[in-house]
C-alpha atoms as a PDB file:
ATOM      1  CA  UNK A   1      95.076 161.650  41.093  1.00  0.00           C
ATOM      2  CA  UNK A   2      95.636 162.727  37.567  1.00  0.00           C
ATOM      3  CA  UNK A   3      95.873 165.550  36.485  1.00  0.00           C
ATOM      4  CA  UNK A   4      93.350 166.336  34.912  1.00  0.00           C
ATOM      5  CA  UNK A   5      90.776 166.401  38.113  1.00  0.00           C
ATOM      6  CA  UNK A   6      88.789 169.525  39.058  1.00  0.00           C
ATOM      7  CA  UNK A   7      88.990 169.946  43.136  1.00  0.00           C
ATOM      8  CA  UNK A   8      85.691 171.975  43.528  1.00  0.00           C
ATOM      9  CA  UNK A   9      85.073 173.325  47.041  1.00  0.00           C
ATOM     10  CA  UNK A  10      81.537 174.438  48.317  1.00  0.00           C
ATOM     11  CA  UNK A  11      79.411 176.459  50.906  1.00  0.00           C
ATOM     12  CA  UNK A  12      75.649 175.402  52.122  1.00  0.00           C
ATOM     13  CA  UNK A  13      74.494 176.545  55.293  1.00  0.00           C
ATOM     14  CA  UNK A  14      72.063 174.296  57.659  1.00  0.00           C
ATOM     15  CA  UNK A  15      69.246 176.037  59.913  1.00  0.00           C
ATOM     16  CA  UNK A  16      70.792 175.841  63.280  1.00  0.00           C
ATOM     17  CA  UNK A  17      67.515 174.500  64.935  1.00  0.00           C
ATOM     18  CA  UNK A  18      67.810 171.194  62.422  1.00  0.00           C
ATOM     19  CA  UNK A  19      71.220 171.255  62.740  1.00  0.00           C
ATOM     20  CA  UNK A  20      71.294 167.697  64.678  1.00  0.00           C
ATOM     21  CA  UNK A  21      68.655 165.931  62.331  1.00  0.00           C
ATOM     22  CA  UNK A  22      70.631 166.881  59.098  1.00  0.00           C
ATOM     23  CA  UNK A  23      74.018 165.355  60.686  1.00  0.00           C
ATOM     24  CA  UNK A  24      71.744 162.199  61.835  1.00  0.00           C
ATOM     25  CA  UNK A  25      70.652 162.070  57.757  1.00  0.00           C
ATOM     26  CA  UNK A  26      74.231 161.789  57.068  1.00  0.00           C
ATOM     27  CA  UNK A  27      75.608 159.133  59.013  1.00  0.00           C
ATOM     28  CA  UNK A  28      74.682 157.367  56.818  1.00  0.00           C
ATOM     29  CA  UNK A  29      73.064 158.607  53.882  1.00  0.00           C
ATOM     30  CA  UNK A  30      70.771 156.380  51.400  1.00  0.00           C
ATOM     31  CA  UNK A  31      73.126 153.528  50.076  1.00  0.00           C
ATOM     32  CA  UNK A  32      71.212 154.774  46.516  1.00  0.00           C
ATOM     33  CA  UNK A  33      72.672 158.308  46.697  1.00  0.00           C
ATOM     34  CA  UNK A  34      76.165 156.899  48.009  1.00  0.00           C
ATOM     35  CA  UNK A  35      76.093 155.340  44.743  1.00  0.00           C
ATOM     36  CA  UNK A  36      74.384 157.654  42.448  1.00  0.00           C
ATOM     37  CA  UNK A  37      77.233 160.434  43.769  1.00  0.00           C
ATOM     38  CA  UNK A  38      80.270 157.473  42.627  1.00  0.00           C
ATOM     39  CA  UNK A  39      78.379 157.298  39.118  1.00  0.00           C
ATOM     40  CA  UNK A  40      78.174 160.809  38.765  1.00  0.00           C
ATOM     41  CA  UNK A  41      82.372 160.998  38.727  1.00  0.00           C
ATOM     42  CA  UNK A  42      82.713 162.497  42.581  1.00  0.00           C
ATOM     43  CA  UNK A  43      85.720 160.934  44.529  1.00  0.00           C
ATOM     44  CA  UNK A  44      86.704 162.305  47.813  1.00  0.00           C
ATOM     45  CA  UNK A  45      83.889 163.672  48.558  1.00  0.00           C
ATOM     46  CA  UNK A  46      83.631 165.465  52.036  1.00  0.00           C
ATOM     47  CA  UNK A  47      81.413 167.970  54.133  1.00  0.00           C
ATOM     48  CA  UNK A  48      82.383 169.483  57.051  1.00  0.00           C
ATOM     49  CA  UNK A  49      81.033 171.668  59.711  1.00  0.00           C
ATOM     50  CA  UNK A  50      82.880 174.774  60.534  1.00  0.00           C
ATOM     51  CA  UNK A  51      80.295 176.045  63.098  1.00  0.00           C
ATOM     52  CA  UNK A  52      77.254 177.778  63.426  1.00  0.00           C
ATOM     53  CA  UNK A  53      75.169 175.518  60.451  1.00  0.00           C
ATOM     54  CA  UNK A  54      78.284 176.432  57.771  1.00  0.00           C
ATOM     55  CA  UNK A  55      79.202 173.748  55.766  1.00  0.00           C
ATOM     56  CA  UNK A  56      82.489 173.076  53.246  1.00  0.00           C
ATOM     57  CA  UNK A  57      81.912 170.072  51.247  1.00  0.00           C
ATOM     58  CA  UNK A  58      85.026 169.188  48.440  1.00  0.00           C
ATOM     59  CA  UNK A  59      85.085 166.492  46.077  1.00  0.00           C
ATOM     60  CA  UNK A  60      87.332 166.205  42.834  1.00  0.00           C
ATOM     61  CA  UNK A  61      85.954 165.008  39.568  1.00  0.00           C
ATOM     62  CA  UNK A  62      87.329 164.827  36.147  1.00  0.00           C
ATOM     63  CA  UNK A  63      84.715 166.445  34.754  1.00  0.00           C
ATOM     64  CA  UNK A  64      82.396 168.849  36.519  1.00  0.00           C
ATOM     65  CA  UNK A  65      79.826 169.900  34.556  1.00  0.00           C
ATOM     66  CA  UNK A  66      78.955 165.813  33.642  1.00  0.00           C
ATOM     67  CA  UNK A  67      78.835 164.875  37.323  1.00  0.00           C
ATOM     68  CA  UNK A  68      76.486 167.940  37.547  1.00  0.00           C
ATOM     69  CA  UNK A  69      74.485 167.084  34.944  1.00  0.00           C
ATOM     70  CA  UNK A  70      74.506 163.532  35.692  1.00  0.00           C
ATOM     71  CA  UNK A  71      72.811 164.519  39.074  1.00  0.00           C
ATOM     72  CA  UNK A  72      70.112 166.362  37.865  1.00  0.00           C
ATOM     73  CA  UNK A  73      69.152 163.916  35.571  1.00  0.00           C
ATOM     74  CA  UNK A  74      69.391 161.349  38.450  1.00  0.00           C
ATOM     75  CA  UNK A  75      65.804 160.487  40.475  1.00  0.00           C
ATOM     76  CA  UNK A  76      67.338 159.441  43.537  1.00  0.00           C
ATOM     77  CA  UNK A  77      69.228 162.519  43.641  1.00  0.00           C
ATOM     78  CA  UNK A  78      65.980 164.831  42.768  1.00  0.00           C
ATOM     79  CA  UNK A  79      64.208 162.410  45.948  1.00  0.00           C
ATOM     80  CA  UNK A  80      67.233 163.264  48.066  1.00  0.00           C
ATOM     81  CA  UNK A  81      67.448 167.043  47.592  1.00  0.00           C
ATOM     82  CA  UNK A  82      64.014 167.260  47.867  1.00  0.00           C
ATOM     83  CA  UNK A  83      64.355 165.811  51.609  1.00  0.00           C
ATOM     84  CA  UNK A  84      67.543 167.663  51.973  1.00  0.00           C
ATOM     85  CA  UNK A  85      65.926 170.992  51.010  1.00  0.00           C
ATOM     86  CA  UNK A  86      64.287 172.084  54.166  1.00  0.00           C
ATOM     87  CA  UNK A  87      67.355 172.126  55.982  1.00  0.00           C
ATOM     88  CA  UNK A  88      69.173 174.983  54.039  1.00  0.00           C
ATOM     89  CA  UNK A  89      68.926 178.883  54.636  1.00  0.00           C
ATOM     90  CA  UNK A  90      68.949 181.062  51.805  1.00  0.00           C
ATOM     91  CA  UNK A  91      69.161 177.986  48.886  1.00  0.00           C
ATOM     92  CA  UNK A  92      67.860 178.647  45.599  1.00  0.00           C
ATOM     93  CA  UNK A  93      67.375 175.675  43.663  1.00  0.00           C
ATOM     94  CA  UNK A  94      68.907 171.732  44.438  1.00  0.00           C
ATOM     95  CA  UNK A  95      72.059 172.249  46.716  1.00  0.00           C
ATOM     96  CA  UNK A  96      73.364 170.034  44.433  1.00  0.00           C
ATOM     97  CA  UNK A  97      73.198 171.646  41.735  1.00  0.00           C
ATOM     98  CA  UNK A  98      72.906 175.893  43.308  1.00  0.00           C
ATOM     99  CA  UNK A  99      75.990 175.835  46.046  1.00  0.00           C
ATOM    100  CA  UNK A 100      78.214 178.737  46.499  1.00  0.00           C
ATOM    101  CA  UNK A 101      81.486 177.748  45.230  1.00  0.00           C
ATOM    102  CA  UNK A 102      84.448 178.255  46.911  1.00  0.00           C
ATOM    103  CA  UNK A 103      87.799 179.323  44.111  1.00  0.00           C
ATOM    104  CA  UNK A 104      91.030 177.696  45.198  1.00  0.00           C
ATOM    105  CA  UNK A 105      93.702 179.390  45.720  1.00  0.00           C
ATOM    106  CA  UNK A 106      96.509 176.766  46.740  1.00  0.00           C
ATOM    107  CA  UNK A 107      97.316 172.946  45.413  1.00  0.00           C
ATOM    108  CA  UNK A 108     100.017 171.724  47.185  1.00  0.00           C
ATOM    109  CA  UNK A 109     100.567 168.588  44.492  1.00  0.00           C
ATOM    110  CA  UNK A 110     100.348 171.441  41.705  1.00  0.00           C
ATOM    111  CA  UNK A 111     102.642 173.940  42.792  1.00  0.00           C
ATOM    112  CA  UNK A 112     104.889 171.107  43.715  1.00  0.00           C
ATOM    113  CA  UNK A 113     104.386 169.573  40.284  1.00  0.00           C
ATOM    114  CA  UNK A 114     105.194 173.025  39.249  1.00  0.00           C
ATOM    115  CA  UNK A 115     108.404 173.571  40.939  1.00  0.00           C
ATOM    116  CA  UNK A 116     109.982 170.404  40.419  1.00  0.00           C
ATOM    117  CA  UNK A 117     109.196 170.912  36.345  1.00  0.00           C
ATOM    118  CA  UNK A 118     106.398 167.927  35.938  1.00  0.00           C
ATOM    119  CA  UNK A 119     103.544 170.633  35.076  1.00  0.00           C
END
């Protein structure tokens, strides 16, 4: 992993009555959407279900603003997000653009590098 990588975590809530369908739509997602996510510069991208419809997503990128801009301009991502919009609770706009982000408070490698004087 590059020292310049930005790690992003986000939270979304899926309507509980639509959770099973949401999960099916992600196993697998559209191949062209997988390619767009990768082309946007996101890697190590995972979404976890925390229970009750709460989702926690995490990814790394070299430039999150550029990644966001790429997906915002992507016709594939726009179609995917339009399909997914009905699943989310209290979501303004596209989930890939407006999800609640979570502050990072600990990263093992960063602290190990600092401890070893490599930071």
